[in-house]
Structure formats: C-alpha cells, structure tokens
Amino acid sequence: MGLLVECPGCRKRNSVKADRCKCGLALKKLGHKNYWIEYYDDVNKRRRERIGPSKTAADHRLREVLTARTEGRHIDKDLSARISLGELFQWYKGLPDVKAKLTYKKEFSSIKNLERLLGKSTKIRDITPGRIEVYHSNRLAEQSPRIQV
C-alpha cells in the first residue's frame, strides 16, 4: 500500500524506493515517469489509481483516500451492505410525505408482509430477484383477508 512509480519501458509498477526496474532502466534518473497509488478499500479490495507525473499530487491523493477511509466516508462504500430492510422501512415510514398519503395504511401492511417473509435483519444487498420470486409465490399462495370462503 502506498506510492508506486511506473517504468516507462515495461510499464511495470515499482516501489518508489526502487533504484532500478526489472527491465534494467534506472528509475531514479528518469524524468518522465508516472506515479500510482495503491490502497485497500473498506471491503479489503485492492485499488490502484494512476495519478500522473507529479509525486506530490500522488502523495496528496493517497493521504486523501486514507483519511476518507479512516473517517468512514470513502467514495466507493456500499451502503446496501450496511442497511437492513427493517432500518430502511423505519426511515421510509418516518417521512412526513409518506405519512400524509391516503394509502399509508395499505403501504404499511405491505411493508409488514415484506418484513415477515424476508426478515427485518436482511441486508439490502442480499435481496435478489430469486428472493423476490419466492416472496411473490408465497404471497400468492396465502389466503387473502378480503376473500372469504
């Protein structure tokens, strides 16, 4: 993790401390090299960004990315991995525009059915088209309260 320098001959990324590339070019003496940064994001995926010919710009960008990651405001953060279905519904039910709707009670009962069949603790990213199909078939198989036999 850190700063890398790209060899103009073979395009291999090397450490900034390296004197020579494996292809034999002296990296310290070259004036036309490009800098990269390498870091791990919040889901431990390695990321690399090409910054350009300025080492100070690369260093600045690396510090910016690491600070953002530490503070929990990284750009590529997947919110659907953190938010559960129950939290999303609580937020939605609390909106003033939703409470003012004439169909609020009907929407509330639909939300209860979703929570009952999918689970409140289900993360948003775990809801797939297959799970929606299962939910749909389960709802069709249930007895409707409106139809009395």
C-alpha atoms as a PDB file:
ATOM      1  CA  MET A   1       0.000   0.000   0.000  1.00  0.00           C
ATOM      2  CA  GLY A   2       1.401   3.350  -0.939  1.00  0.00           C
ATOM      3  CA  LEU A   3       3.082   5.144  -3.788  1.00  0.00           C
ATOM      4  CA  LEU A   4       4.248   3.318  -6.891  1.00  0.00           C
ATOM      5  CA  VAL A   5       6.253   4.516  -9.875  1.00  0.00           C
ATOM      6  CA  GLU A   6       5.612   3.191 -13.366  1.00  0.00           C
ATOM      7  CA  CYS A   7       8.577   2.207 -15.524  1.00  0.00           C
ATOM      8  CA  PRO A   8       8.235   3.918 -18.930  1.00  0.00           C
ATOM      9  CA  GLY A   9       9.949   0.994 -20.640  1.00  0.00           C
ATOM     10  CA  CYS A  10       7.963  -2.038 -19.471  1.00  0.00           C
ATOM     11  CA  ARG A  11       5.008  -0.291 -17.730  1.00  0.00           C
ATOM     12  CA  LYS A  12       5.608  -2.281 -14.552  1.00  0.00           C
ATOM     13  CA  ARG A  13       4.721  -0.537 -11.308  1.00  0.00           C
ATOM     14  CA  ASN A  14       7.584  -0.465  -8.807  1.00  0.00           C
ATOM     15  CA  SER A  15       8.110   0.867  -5.320  1.00  0.00           C
ATOM     16  CA  VAL A  16       9.243   4.484  -5.110  1.00  0.00           C
ATOM     17  CA  LYS A  17      12.320   3.274  -3.217  1.00  0.00           C
ATOM     18  CA  ALA A  18      13.425   1.010  -6.075  1.00  0.00           C
ATOM     19  CA  ASP A  19      16.519   2.266  -7.924  1.00  0.00           C
ATOM     20  CA  ARG A  20      16.049   0.079 -10.995  1.00  0.00           C
ATOM     21  CA  CYS A  21      13.202  -1.728 -12.680  1.00  0.00           C
ATOM     22  CA  LYS A  22      13.467  -5.437 -13.509  1.00  0.00           C
ATOM     23  CA  CYS A  23      13.836  -4.472 -17.161  1.00  0.00           C
ATOM     24  CA  GLY A  24      17.036  -2.589 -16.298  1.00  0.00           C
ATOM     25  CA  LEU A  25      16.006   1.083 -16.507  1.00  0.00           C
ATOM     26  CA  ALA A  26      17.253   3.375 -13.752  1.00  0.00           C
ATOM     27  CA  LEU A  27      14.038   4.759 -12.257  1.00  0.00           C
ATOM     28  CA  LYS A  28      15.668   7.469 -10.166  1.00  0.00           C
ATOM     29  CA  LYS A  29      17.209   9.249 -13.158  1.00  0.00           C
ATOM     30  CA  LEU A  30      14.143   9.254 -15.423  1.00  0.00           C
ATOM     31  CA  GLY A  31      12.248  12.498 -15.648  1.00  0.00           C
ATOM     32  CA  HIS A  32       9.136  11.237 -17.438  1.00  0.00           C
ATOM     33  CA  LYS A  33       7.663   8.648 -15.067  1.00  0.00           C
ATOM     34  CA  ASN A  34       4.093   8.257 -13.862  1.00  0.00           C
ATOM     35  CA  TYR A  35       3.029   7.741 -10.258  1.00  0.00           C
ATOM     36  CA  TRP A  36       0.311   5.428  -8.995  1.00  0.00           C
ATOM     37  CA  ILE A  37      -1.279   4.953  -5.595  1.00  0.00           C
ATOM     38  CA  GLU A  38      -2.325   1.611  -4.169  1.00  0.00           C
ATOM     39  CA  TYR A  39      -4.668   1.114  -1.212  1.00  0.00           C
ATOM     40  CA  TYR A  40      -7.271  -1.266   0.185  1.00  0.00           C
ATOM     41  CA  ASP A  41     -10.848  -0.031   0.387  1.00  0.00           C
ATOM     42  CA  ASP A  42     -13.380  -0.712   3.155  1.00  0.00           C
ATOM     43  CA  VAL A  43     -14.208  -4.197   1.812  1.00  0.00           C
ATOM     44  CA  ASN A  44     -10.484  -5.105   1.601  1.00  0.00           C
ATOM     45  CA  LYS A  45     -10.352  -4.893  -2.166  1.00  0.00           C
ATOM     46  CA  ARG A  46      -7.071  -3.597  -3.575  1.00  0.00           C
ATOM     47  CA  ARG A  47      -7.448  -0.421  -5.593  1.00  0.00           C
ATOM     48  CA  ARG A  48      -4.922   1.338  -7.800  1.00  0.00           C
ATOM     49  CA  GLU A  49      -5.177   4.795  -9.314  1.00  0.00           C
ATOM     50  CA  ARG A  50      -2.899   6.382 -11.886  1.00  0.00           C
ATOM     51  CA  ILE A  51      -2.165   9.922 -10.766  1.00  0.00           C
ATOM     52  CA  GLY A  52       0.344  11.292 -13.273  1.00  0.00           C
ATOM     53  CA  PRO A  53       3.861  12.724 -13.358  1.00  0.00           C
ATOM     54  CA  SER A  54       3.653  14.622 -10.042  1.00  0.00           C
ATOM     55  CA  LYS A  55       4.865  12.789  -6.953  1.00  0.00           C
ATOM     56  CA  THR A  56       3.388  15.423  -4.631  1.00  0.00           C
ATOM     57  CA  ALA A  57      -0.029  15.060  -6.271  1.00  0.00           C
ATOM     58  CA  ALA A  58       0.162  11.282  -5.832  1.00  0.00           C
ATOM     59  CA  ASP A  59       1.166  11.657  -2.192  1.00  0.00           C
ATOM     60  CA  HIS A  60      -1.659  14.150  -1.605  1.00  0.00           C
ATOM     61  CA  ARG A  61      -4.243  11.846  -3.231  1.00  0.00           C
ATOM     62  CA  LEU A  62      -3.045   8.867  -1.178  1.00  0.00           C
ATOM     63  CA  ARG A  63      -3.392  10.833   2.063  1.00  0.00           C
ATOM     64  CA  GLU A  64      -6.848  11.998   0.968  1.00  0.00           C
ATOM     65  CA  VAL A  65      -8.033   8.435   0.266  1.00  0.00           C
ATOM     66  CA  LEU A  66      -6.617   7.050   3.521  1.00  0.00           C
ATOM     67  CA  THR A  67      -8.178   9.870   5.542  1.00  0.00           C
ATOM     68  CA  ALA A  68     -11.557   9.303   3.899  1.00  0.00           C
ATOM     69  CA  ARG A  69     -11.341   5.561   4.562  1.00  0.00           C
ATOM     70  CA  THR A  70     -10.429   6.137   8.214  1.00  0.00           C
ATOM     71  CA  GLU A  71     -13.318   8.558   8.704  1.00  0.00           C
ATOM     72  CA  GLY A  72     -15.760   6.128   7.091  1.00  0.00           C
ATOM     73  CA  ARG A  73     -16.690   8.363   4.185  1.00  0.00           C
ATOM     74  CA  HIS A  74     -14.940   6.502   1.412  1.00  0.00           C
ATOM     75  CA  ILE A  75     -16.438   7.169  -2.022  1.00  0.00           C
ATOM     76  CA  ASP A  76     -16.918   3.536  -3.053  1.00  0.00           C
ATOM     77  CA  LYS A  77     -18.671   2.486   0.152  1.00  0.00           C
ATOM     78  CA  ASP A  78     -21.607   0.148  -0.469  1.00  0.00           C
ATOM     79  CA  LEU A  79     -24.461   1.382   1.727  1.00  0.00           C
ATOM     80  CA  SER A  80     -26.645  -1.592   0.818  1.00  0.00           C
ATOM     81  CA  ALA A  81     -24.159  -3.802   2.659  1.00  0.00           C
ATOM     82  CA  ARG A  82     -24.827  -1.974   5.928  1.00  0.00           C
ATOM     83  CA  ILE A  83     -28.524  -1.076   5.821  1.00  0.00           C
ATOM     84  CA  SER A  84     -31.073  -3.723   6.748  1.00  0.00           C
ATOM     85  CA  LEU A  85     -34.616  -3.967   5.425  1.00  0.00           C
ATOM     86  CA  GLY A  86     -36.053  -3.007   8.832  1.00  0.00           C
ATOM     87  CA  GLU A  87     -33.928   0.153   9.020  1.00  0.00           C
ATOM     88  CA  LEU A  88     -34.944   1.152   5.511  1.00  0.00           C
ATOM     89  CA  PHE A  89     -38.636   0.690   6.330  1.00  0.00           C
ATOM     90  CA  GLN A  90     -38.318   2.671   9.570  1.00  0.00           C
ATOM     91  CA  TRP A  91     -36.752   5.533   7.643  1.00  0.00           C
ATOM     92  CA  TYR A  92     -39.451   5.343   4.938  1.00  0.00           C
ATOM     93  CA  LYS A  93     -42.342   5.201   7.430  1.00  0.00           C
ATOM     94  CA  GLY A  94     -40.968   8.258   9.238  1.00  0.00           C
ATOM     95  CA  LEU A  95     -41.041  10.552   6.205  1.00  0.00           C
ATOM     96  CA  PRO A  96     -43.714  13.272   6.505  1.00  0.00           C
ATOM     97  CA  ASP A  97     -44.771  12.925   2.858  1.00  0.00           C
ATOM     98  CA  VAL A  98     -45.388   9.208   3.339  1.00  0.00           C
ATOM     99  CA  LYS A  99     -47.441   9.771   6.488  1.00  0.00           C
ATOM    100  CA  ALA A 100     -49.610  12.262   4.600  1.00  0.00           C
ATOM    101  CA  LYS A 101     -50.520   9.734   1.886  1.00  0.00           C
ATOM    102  CA  LEU A 102     -54.057   8.401   1.739  1.00  0.00           C
ATOM    103  CA  THR A 103     -52.668   4.919   1.075  1.00  0.00           C
ATOM    104  CA  TYR A 104     -50.391   4.943   4.133  1.00  0.00           C
ATOM    105  CA  LYS A 105     -52.215   2.058   5.888  1.00  0.00           C
ATOM    106  CA  LYS A 106     -52.103  -0.127   2.773  1.00  0.00           C
ATOM    107  CA  GLU A 107     -48.395   0.571   2.276  1.00  0.00           C
ATOM    108  CA  PHE A 108     -47.790  -0.163   5.952  1.00  0.00           C
ATOM    109  CA  SER A 109     -49.454  -3.591   5.645  1.00  0.00           C
ATOM    110  CA  SER A 110     -47.378  -4.355   2.522  1.00  0.00           C
ATOM    111  CA  ILE A 111     -44.239  -3.417   4.430  1.00  0.00           C
ATOM    112  CA  LYS A 112     -45.254  -5.732   7.278  1.00  0.00           C
ATOM    113  CA  ASN A 113     -45.655  -8.601   4.799  1.00  0.00           C
ATOM    114  CA  LEU A 114     -42.224  -7.926   3.301  1.00  0.00           C
ATOM    115  CA  GLU A 115     -40.643  -7.842   6.754  1.00  0.00           C
ATOM    116  CA  ARG A 116     -42.428 -11.054   7.755  1.00  0.00           C
ATOM    117  CA  LEU A 117     -41.373 -13.048   4.685  1.00  0.00           C
ATOM    118  CA  LEU A 118     -37.908 -11.583   4.018  1.00  0.00           C
ATOM    119  CA  GLY A 119     -36.920 -10.739   7.594  1.00  0.00           C
ATOM    120  CA  LYS A 120     -36.145  -7.411   9.243  1.00  0.00           C
ATOM    121  CA  SER A 121     -32.438  -8.104   9.543  1.00  0.00           C
ATOM    122  CA  THR A 122     -31.988  -8.916   5.836  1.00  0.00           C
ATOM    123  CA  LYS A 123     -29.427  -6.604   4.262  1.00  0.00           C
ATOM    124  CA  ILE A 124     -30.493  -4.750   1.119  1.00  0.00           C
ATOM    125  CA  ARG A 125     -27.693  -6.300  -0.945  1.00  0.00           C
ATOM    126  CA  ASP A 126     -28.996  -9.787  -0.078  1.00  0.00           C
ATOM    127  CA  ILE A 127     -32.335  -9.180  -1.781  1.00  0.00           C
ATOM    128  CA  THR A 128     -32.028 -10.822  -5.170  1.00  0.00           C
ATOM    129  CA  PRO A 129     -34.525 -11.420  -7.990  1.00  0.00           C
ATOM    130  CA  GLY A 130     -34.731 -15.032  -6.808  1.00  0.00           C
ATOM    131  CA  ARG A 131     -35.773 -13.960  -3.314  1.00  0.00           C
ATOM    132  CA  ILE A 132     -38.372 -11.617  -4.805  1.00  0.00           C
ATOM    133  CA  GLU A 133     -39.784 -14.545  -6.838  1.00  0.00           C
ATOM    134  CA  VAL A 134     -40.013 -16.671  -3.674  1.00  0.00           C
ATOM    135  CA  TYR A 135     -41.749 -13.794  -1.885  1.00  0.00           C
ATOM    136  CA  HIS A 136     -44.139 -13.376  -4.813  1.00  0.00           C
ATOM    137  CA  SER A 137     -45.055 -17.080  -4.917  1.00  0.00           C
ATOM    138  CA  ASN A 138     -45.503 -17.200  -1.100  1.00  0.00           C
ATOM    139  CA  ARG A 139     -47.827 -14.211  -1.196  1.00  0.00           C
ATOM    140  CA  LEU A 140     -49.887 -15.753  -3.996  1.00  0.00           C
ATOM    141  CA  ALA A 141     -50.224 -18.975  -2.009  1.00  0.00           C
ATOM    142  CA  GLU A 142     -51.513 -17.170   1.112  1.00  0.00           C
ATOM    143  CA  GLN A 143     -55.198 -16.752   1.802  1.00  0.00           C
ATOM    144  CA  SER A 144     -56.383 -13.194   1.163  1.00  0.00           C
ATOM    145  CA  PRO A 145     -58.225 -11.489   4.039  1.00  0.00           C
ATOM    146  CA  ARG A 146     -60.594  -9.860   1.539  1.00  0.00           C
ATOM    147  CA  ILE A 147     -61.814 -13.111   0.008  1.00  0.00           C
ATOM    148  CA  GLN A 148     -63.927 -15.130   2.408  1.00  0.00           C
ATOM    149  CA  VAL A 149     -64.651 -18.734   1.582  1.00  0.00           C
END
